[in-house]
Amino acid sequence: MIDGVATPVASLADVLLLTRDAGGPRDGGNVVPLRRAGDRAALVAEVEASLVALPEASRRRWSRVGQSG
């Protein structure tokens, strides 16, 4: 909450997917430290649970990098 107002905040998995999906030349490198933050198994599980709602291109990008690093 901020000043008593419930404020949604992106999860680490959300930030990882947004960064990966941006697809810029530096974005791929930014994903590596994000994947290493916190509980890796929980992060991977959260991302993979979100994949069904994403476009095919996003799912392919995650499949290329999701398990590495």
PDB file of N, CA and C in Angstrom:
ATOM      1  N   MET A   1       0.831  -1.182   0.000  1.00  0.00           N
ATOM      2  CA  MET A   1       0.000   0.000   0.000  1.00  0.00           C
ATOM      3  C   MET A   1       0.881   1.252   0.000  1.00  0.00           C
ATOM      4  N   ILE A   2       0.409   2.230  -0.697  1.00  0.00           N
ATOM      5  CA  ILE A   2       1.062   3.527  -0.722  1.00  0.00           C
ATOM      6  C   ILE A   2       0.019   4.549  -0.283  1.00  0.00           C
ATOM      7  N   ASP A   3       0.288   5.185   0.821  1.00  0.00           N
ATOM      8  CA  ASP A   3      -0.665   6.152   1.386  1.00  0.00           C
ATOM      9  C   ASP A   3      -2.059   5.565   1.499  1.00  0.00           C
ATOM     10  N   GLY A   4      -2.135   4.301   1.921  1.00  0.00           N
ATOM     11  CA  GLY A   4      -3.419   3.642   2.131  1.00  0.00           C
ATOM     12  C   GLY A   4      -4.101   3.136   0.874  1.00  0.00           C
ATOM     13  N   VAL A   5      -3.445   3.241  -0.254  1.00  0.00           N
ATOM     14  CA  VAL A   5      -4.039   2.793  -1.512  1.00  0.00           C
ATOM     15  C   VAL A   5      -3.331   1.520  -1.959  1.00  0.00           C
ATOM     16  N   ALA A   6      -4.124   0.470  -2.191  1.00  0.00           N
ATOM     17  CA  ALA A   6      -3.548  -0.775  -2.708  1.00  0.00           C
ATOM     18  C   ALA A   6      -2.958  -0.497  -4.089  1.00  0.00           C
ATOM     19  N   THR A   7      -1.690  -0.822  -4.234  1.00  0.00           N
ATOM     20  CA  THR A   7      -0.975  -0.528  -5.471  1.00  0.00           C
ATOM     21  C   THR A   7      -0.363  -1.798  -6.030  1.00  0.00           C
ATOM     22  N   PRO A   8      -0.805  -2.231  -7.213  1.00  0.00           N
ATOM     23  CA  PRO A   8      -0.214  -3.436  -7.791  1.00  0.00           C
ATOM     24  C   PRO A   8       1.251  -3.220  -8.153  1.00  0.00           C
ATOM     25  N   VAL A   9       2.035  -4.242  -7.917  1.00  0.00           N
ATOM     26  CA  VAL A   9       3.457  -4.199  -8.223  1.00  0.00           C
ATOM     27  C   VAL A   9       3.797  -5.442  -9.028  1.00  0.00           C
ATOM     28  N   ALA A  10       4.589  -5.264 -10.063  1.00  0.00           N
ATOM     29  CA  ALA A  10       4.987  -6.403 -10.898  1.00  0.00           C
ATOM     30  C   ALA A  10       5.851  -7.362 -10.091  1.00  0.00           C
ATOM     31  N   SER A  11       5.599  -8.649 -10.252  1.00  0.00           N
ATOM     32  CA  SER A  11       6.427  -9.663  -9.607  1.00  0.00           C
ATOM     33  C   SER A  11       7.738  -9.801 -10.374  1.00  0.00           C
ATOM     34  N   LEU A  12       8.693 -10.487  -9.784  1.00  0.00           N
ATOM     35  CA  LEU A  12       9.956 -10.750 -10.474  1.00  0.00           C
ATOM     36  C   LEU A  12       9.700 -11.504 -11.780  1.00  0.00           C
ATOM     37  N   ALA A  13       8.775 -12.465 -11.745  1.00  0.00           N
ATOM     38  CA  ALA A  13       8.446 -13.213 -12.970  1.00  0.00           C
ATOM     39  C   ALA A  13       7.883 -12.272 -14.039  1.00  0.00           C
ATOM     40  N   ASP A  14       7.026 -11.327 -13.633  1.00  0.00           N
ATOM     41  CA  ASP A  14       6.472 -10.363 -14.594  1.00  0.00           C
ATOM     42  C   ASP A  14       7.577  -9.518 -15.214  1.00  0.00           C
ATOM     43  N   VAL A  15       8.489  -9.033 -14.381  1.00  0.00           N
ATOM     44  CA  VAL A  15       9.586  -8.202 -14.882  1.00  0.00           C
ATOM     45  C   VAL A  15      10.468  -9.006 -15.833  1.00  0.00           C
ATOM     46  N   LEU A  16      10.727 -10.255 -15.467  1.00  0.00           N
ATOM     47  CA  LEU A  16      11.545 -11.112 -16.324  1.00  0.00           C
ATOM     48  C   LEU A  16      10.884 -11.284 -17.692  1.00  0.00           C
ATOM     49  N   LEU A  17       9.596 -11.599 -17.701  1.00  0.00           N
ATOM     50  CA  LEU A  17       8.901 -11.799 -18.973  1.00  0.00           C
ATOM     51  C   LEU A  17       8.824 -10.510 -19.783  1.00  0.00           C
ATOM     52  N   LEU A  18       8.560  -9.388 -19.130  1.00  0.00           N
ATOM     53  CA  LEU A  18       8.509  -8.118 -19.851  1.00  0.00           C
ATOM     54  C   LEU A  18       9.859  -7.758 -20.451  1.00  0.00           C
ATOM     55  N   THR A  19      10.909  -7.973 -19.672  1.00  0.00           N
ATOM     56  CA  THR A  19      12.264  -7.670 -20.157  1.00  0.00           C
ATOM     57  C   THR A  19      12.619  -8.571 -21.326  1.00  0.00           C
ATOM     58  N   ARG A  20      12.332  -9.844 -21.189  1.00  0.00           N
ATOM     59  CA  ARG A  20      12.651 -10.802 -22.251  1.00  0.00           C
ATOM     60  C   ARG A  20      11.851 -10.492 -23.504  1.00  0.00           C
ATOM     61  N   ASP A  21      10.587 -10.132 -23.320  1.00  0.00           N
ATOM     62  CA  ASP A  21       9.727  -9.890 -24.466  1.00  0.00           C
ATOM     63  C   ASP A  21      10.063  -8.582 -25.177  1.00  0.00           C
ATOM     64  N   ALA A  22      10.706  -7.645 -24.472  1.00  0.00           N
ATOM     65  CA  ALA A  22      11.084  -6.386 -25.112  1.00  0.00           C
ATOM     66  C   ALA A  22      12.011  -6.650 -26.290  1.00  0.00           C
ATOM     67  N   GLY A  23      12.892  -7.628 -26.144  1.00  0.00           N
ATOM     68  CA  GLY A  23      13.698  -8.097 -27.261  1.00  0.00           C
ATOM     69  C   GLY A  23      14.780  -7.157 -27.755  1.00  0.00           C
ATOM     70  N   GLY A  24      15.080  -6.111 -27.006  1.00  0.00           N
ATOM     71  CA  GLY A  24      16.152  -5.204 -27.424  1.00  0.00           C
ATOM     72  C   GLY A  24      17.515  -5.856 -27.254  1.00  0.00           C
ATOM     73  N   PRO A  25      18.545  -5.261 -27.829  1.00  0.00           N
ATOM     74  CA  PRO A  25      19.875  -5.869 -27.777  1.00  0.00           C
ATOM     75  C   PRO A  25      20.414  -6.035 -26.352  1.00  0.00           C
ATOM     76  N   ARG A  26      20.019  -5.180 -25.429  1.00  0.00           N
ATOM     77  CA  ARG A  26      20.508  -5.302 -24.056  1.00  0.00           C
ATOM     78  C   ARG A  26      19.559  -6.083 -23.169  1.00  0.00           C
ATOM     79  N   ASP A  27      18.313  -6.256 -23.611  1.00  0.00           N
ATOM     80  CA  ASP A  27      17.314  -6.909 -22.774  1.00  0.00           C
ATOM     81  C   ASP A  27      17.654  -8.362 -22.469  1.00  0.00           C
ATOM     82  N   GLY A  28      18.190  -9.085 -23.443  1.00  0.00           N
ATOM     83  CA  GLY A  28      18.558 -10.477 -23.209  1.00  0.00           C
ATOM     84  C   GLY A  28      19.574 -10.615 -22.091  1.00  0.00           C
ATOM     85  N   GLY A  29      20.554  -9.733 -22.067  1.00  0.00           N
ATOM     86  CA  GLY A  29      21.552  -9.766 -21.005  1.00  0.00           C
ATOM     87  C   GLY A  29      20.988  -9.379 -19.657  1.00  0.00           C
ATOM     88  N   ASN A  30      19.964  -8.546 -19.647  1.00  0.00           N
ATOM     89  CA  ASN A  30      19.335  -8.154 -18.398  1.00  0.00           C
ATOM     90  C   ASN A  30      18.547  -9.288 -17.759  1.00  0.00           C
ATOM     91  N   VAL A  31      18.162 -10.269 -18.551  1.00  0.00           N
ATOM     92  CA  VAL A  31      17.381 -11.387 -18.043  1.00  0.00           C
ATOM     93  C   VAL A  31      18.234 -12.286 -17.134  1.00  0.00           C
ATOM     94  N   VAL A  32      19.512 -12.410 -17.433  1.00  0.00           N
ATOM     95  CA  VAL A  32      20.377 -13.320 -16.677  1.00  0.00           C
ATOM     96  C   VAL A  32      20.365 -13.019 -15.177  1.00  0.00           C
ATOM     97  N   PRO A  33      20.639 -11.787 -14.739  1.00  0.00           N
ATOM     98  CA  PRO A  33      20.605 -11.545 -13.292  1.00  0.00           C
ATOM     99  C   PRO A  33      19.208 -11.697 -12.700  1.00  0.00           C
ATOM    100  N   LEU A  34      18.180 -11.406 -13.483  1.00  0.00           N
ATOM    101  CA  LEU A  34      16.818 -11.583 -12.977  1.00  0.00           C
ATOM    102  C   LEU A  34      16.531 -13.053 -12.699  1.00  0.00           C
ATOM    103  N   ARG A  35      17.012 -13.925 -13.597  1.00  0.00           N
ATOM    104  CA  ARG A  35      16.775 -15.365 -13.406  1.00  0.00           C
ATOM    105  C   ARG A  35      17.501 -15.890 -12.178  1.00  0.00           C
ATOM    106  N   ARG A  36      18.565 -15.218 -11.775  1.00  0.00           N
ATOM    107  CA  ARG A  36      19.365 -15.689 -10.641  1.00  0.00           C
ATOM    108  C   ARG A  36      18.882 -15.122  -9.310  1.00  0.00           C
ATOM    109  N   ALA A  37      17.941 -14.219  -9.331  1.00  0.00           N
ATOM    110  CA  ALA A  37      17.455 -13.587  -8.104  1.00  0.00           C
ATOM    111  C   ALA A  37      16.445 -14.494  -7.396  1.00  0.00           C
ATOM    112  N   GLY A  38      16.564 -14.574  -6.092  1.00  0.00           N
ATOM    113  CA  GLY A  38      15.578 -15.298  -5.301  1.00  0.00           C
ATOM    114  C   GLY A  38      15.587 -16.793  -5.532  1.00  0.00           C
ATOM    115  N   ASP A  39      14.434 -17.388  -5.310  1.00  0.00           N
ATOM    116  CA  ASP A  39      14.241 -18.835  -5.427  1.00  0.00           C
ATOM    117  C   ASP A  39      14.045 -19.190  -6.897  1.00  0.00           C
ATOM    118  N   ARG A  40      15.092 -19.716  -7.523  1.00  0.00           N
ATOM    119  CA  ARG A  40      15.076 -19.980  -8.966  1.00  0.00           C
ATOM    120  C   ARG A  40      13.961 -20.939  -9.371  1.00  0.00           C
ATOM    121  N   ALA A  41      13.785 -22.009  -8.624  1.00  0.00           N
ATOM    122  CA  ALA A  41      12.750 -22.994  -8.978  1.00  0.00           C
ATOM    123  C   ALA A  41      11.359 -22.363  -8.926  1.00  0.00           C
ATOM    124  N   ALA A  42      11.107 -21.560  -7.910  1.00  0.00           N
ATOM    125  CA  ALA A  42       9.806 -20.897  -7.790  1.00  0.00           C
ATOM    126  C   ALA A  42       9.612 -19.883  -8.914  1.00  0.00           C
ATOM    127  N   LEU A  43      10.673 -19.165  -9.260  1.00  0.00           N
ATOM    128  CA  LEU A  43      10.594 -18.181 -10.342  1.00  0.00           C
ATOM    129  C   LEU A  43      10.278 -18.860 -11.671  1.00  0.00           C
ATOM    130  N   VAL A  44      10.999 -19.923 -11.979  1.00  0.00           N
ATOM    131  CA  VAL A  44      10.761 -20.657 -13.230  1.00  0.00           C
ATOM    132  C   VAL A  44       9.335 -21.191 -13.257  1.00  0.00           C
ATOM    133  N   ALA A  45       8.858 -21.734 -12.140  1.00  0.00           N
ATOM    134  CA  ALA A  45       7.492 -22.254 -12.078  1.00  0.00           C
ATOM    135  C   ALA A  45       6.469 -21.137 -12.306  1.00  0.00           C
ATOM    136  N   GLU A  46       6.701 -19.977 -11.712  1.00  0.00           N
ATOM    137  CA  GLU A  46       5.770 -18.850 -11.886  1.00  0.00           C
ATOM    138  C   GLU A  46       5.753 -18.364 -13.331  1.00  0.00           C
ATOM    139  N   VAL A  47       6.923 -18.267 -13.932  1.00  0.00           N
ATOM    140  CA  VAL A  47       6.988 -17.840 -15.332  1.00  0.00           C
ATOM    141  C   VAL A  47       6.286 -18.861 -16.218  1.00  0.00           C
ATOM    142  N   GLU A  48       6.585 -20.114 -16.025  1.00  0.00           N
ATOM    143  CA  GLU A  48       5.994 -21.145 -16.888  1.00  0.00           C
ATOM    144  C   GLU A  48       4.485 -21.228 -16.717  1.00  0.00           C
ATOM    145  N   ALA A  49       3.975 -20.939 -15.525  1.00  0.00           N
ATOM    146  CA  ALA A  49       2.527 -20.909 -15.322  1.00  0.00           C
ATOM    147  C   ALA A  49       1.882 -19.750 -16.082  1.00  0.00           C
ATOM    148  N   SER A  50       2.642 -18.690 -16.305  1.00  0.00           N
ATOM    149  CA  SER A  50       2.130 -17.512 -17.019  1.00  0.00           C
ATOM    150  C   SER A  50       2.201 -17.659 -18.532  1.00  0.00           C
ATOM    151  N   LEU A  51       2.985 -18.590 -19.012  1.00  0.00           N
ATOM    152  CA  LEU A  51       3.233 -18.696 -20.454  1.00  0.00           C
ATOM    153  C   LEU A  51       1.983 -18.965 -21.268  1.00  0.00           C
ATOM    154  N   VAL A  52       1.021 -19.670 -20.717  1.00  0.00           N
ATOM    155  CA  VAL A  52      -0.172 -20.024 -21.494  1.00  0.00           C
ATOM    156  C   VAL A  52      -0.933 -18.791 -21.964  1.00  0.00           C
ATOM    157  N   ALA A  53      -0.803 -17.684 -21.235  1.00  0.00           N
ATOM    158  CA  ALA A  53      -1.522 -16.460 -21.592  1.00  0.00           C
ATOM    159  C   ALA A  53      -0.733 -15.566 -22.549  1.00  0.00           C
ATOM    160  N   LEU A  54       0.456 -15.973 -22.904  1.00  0.00           N
ATOM    161  CA  LEU A  54       1.326 -15.136 -23.729  1.00  0.00           C
ATOM    162  C   LEU A  54       1.309 -15.569 -25.189  1.00  0.00           C
ATOM    163  N   PRO A  55       1.672 -14.655 -26.082  1.00  0.00           N
ATOM    164  CA  PRO A  55       1.759 -15.015 -27.505  1.00  0.00           C
ATOM    165  C   PRO A  55       2.817 -16.096 -27.736  1.00  0.00           C
ATOM    166  N   GLU A  56       2.657 -16.811 -28.821  1.00  0.00           N
ATOM    167  CA  GLU A  56       3.587 -17.894 -29.172  1.00  0.00           C
ATOM    168  C   GLU A  56       5.035 -17.415 -29.219  1.00  0.00           C
ATOM    169  N   ALA A  57       5.269 -16.247 -29.769  1.00  0.00           N
ATOM    170  CA  ALA A  57       6.641 -15.731 -29.863  1.00  0.00           C
ATOM    171  C   ALA A  57       7.259 -15.576 -28.475  1.00  0.00           C
ATOM    172  N   SER A  58       6.481 -15.141 -27.516  1.00  0.00           N
ATOM    173  CA  SER A  58       6.986 -14.999 -26.148  1.00  0.00           C
ATOM    174  C   SER A  58       7.313 -16.356 -25.542  1.00  0.00           C
ATOM    175  N   ARG A  59       6.474 -17.324 -25.794  1.00  0.00           N
ATOM    176  CA  ARG A  59       6.736 -18.679 -25.274  1.00  0.00           C
ATOM    177  C   ARG A  59       8.005 -19.254 -25.879  1.00  0.00           C
ATOM    178  N   ARG A  60       8.229 -19.007 -27.173  1.00  0.00           N
ATOM    179  CA  ARG A  60       9.453 -19.493 -27.819  1.00  0.00           C
ATOM    180  C   ARG A  60      10.685 -18.831 -27.220  1.00  0.00           C
ATOM    181  N   ARG A  61      10.610 -17.509 -26.996  1.00  0.00           N
ATOM    182  CA  ARG A  61      11.756 -16.815 -26.405  1.00  0.00           C
ATOM    183  C   ARG A  61      12.084 -17.384 -25.031  1.00  0.00           C
ATOM    184  N   TRP A  62      11.067 -17.636 -24.224  1.00  0.00           N
ATOM    185  CA  TRP A  62      11.326 -18.206 -22.902  1.00  0.00           C
ATOM    186  C   TRP A  62      11.920 -19.603 -23.033  1.00  0.00           C
ATOM    187  N   SER A  63      11.432 -20.392 -23.968  1.00  0.00           N
ATOM    188  CA  SER A  63      11.959 -21.762 -24.099  1.00  0.00           C
ATOM    189  C   SER A  63      13.433 -21.754 -24.476  1.00  0.00           C
ATOM    190  N   ARG A  64      13.879 -20.702 -25.183  1.00  0.00           N
ATOM    191  CA  ARG A  64      15.297 -20.614 -25.551  1.00  0.00           C
ATOM    192  C   ARG A  64      16.171 -20.218 -24.366  1.00  0.00           C
ATOM    193  N   VAL A  65      15.651 -19.426 -23.453  1.00  0.00           N
ATOM    194  CA  VAL A  65      16.499 -18.918 -22.363  1.00  0.00           C
ATOM    195  C   VAL A  65      16.035 -19.325 -20.973  1.00  0.00           C
ATOM    196  N   GLY A  66      14.828 -19.819 -20.849  1.00  0.00           N
ATOM    197  CA  GLY A  66      14.237 -20.044 -19.543  1.00  0.00           C
ATOM    198  C   GLY A  66      14.982 -20.965 -18.619  1.00  0.00           C
ATOM    199  N   GLN A  67      15.600 -21.974 -19.136  1.00  0.00           N
ATOM    200  CA  GLN A  67      16.261 -22.947 -18.275  1.00  0.00           C
ATOM    201  C   GLN A  67      17.754 -22.721 -18.163  1.00  0.00           C
ATOM    202  N   SER A  68      18.304 -21.796 -18.943  1.00  0.00           N
ATOM    203  CA  SER A  68      19.738 -21.549 -18.863  1.00  0.00           C
ATOM    204  C   SER A  68      20.037 -20.467 -17.842  1.00  0.00           C
ATOM    205  N   GLY A  69      21.314 -20.340 -17.475  1.00  0.00           N
ATOM    206  CA  GLY A  69      21.728 -19.279 -16.582  1.00  0.00           C
ATOM    207  C   GLY A  69      21.458 -19.600 -15.216  1.00  0.00           C
TER     208      GLY A  69
END
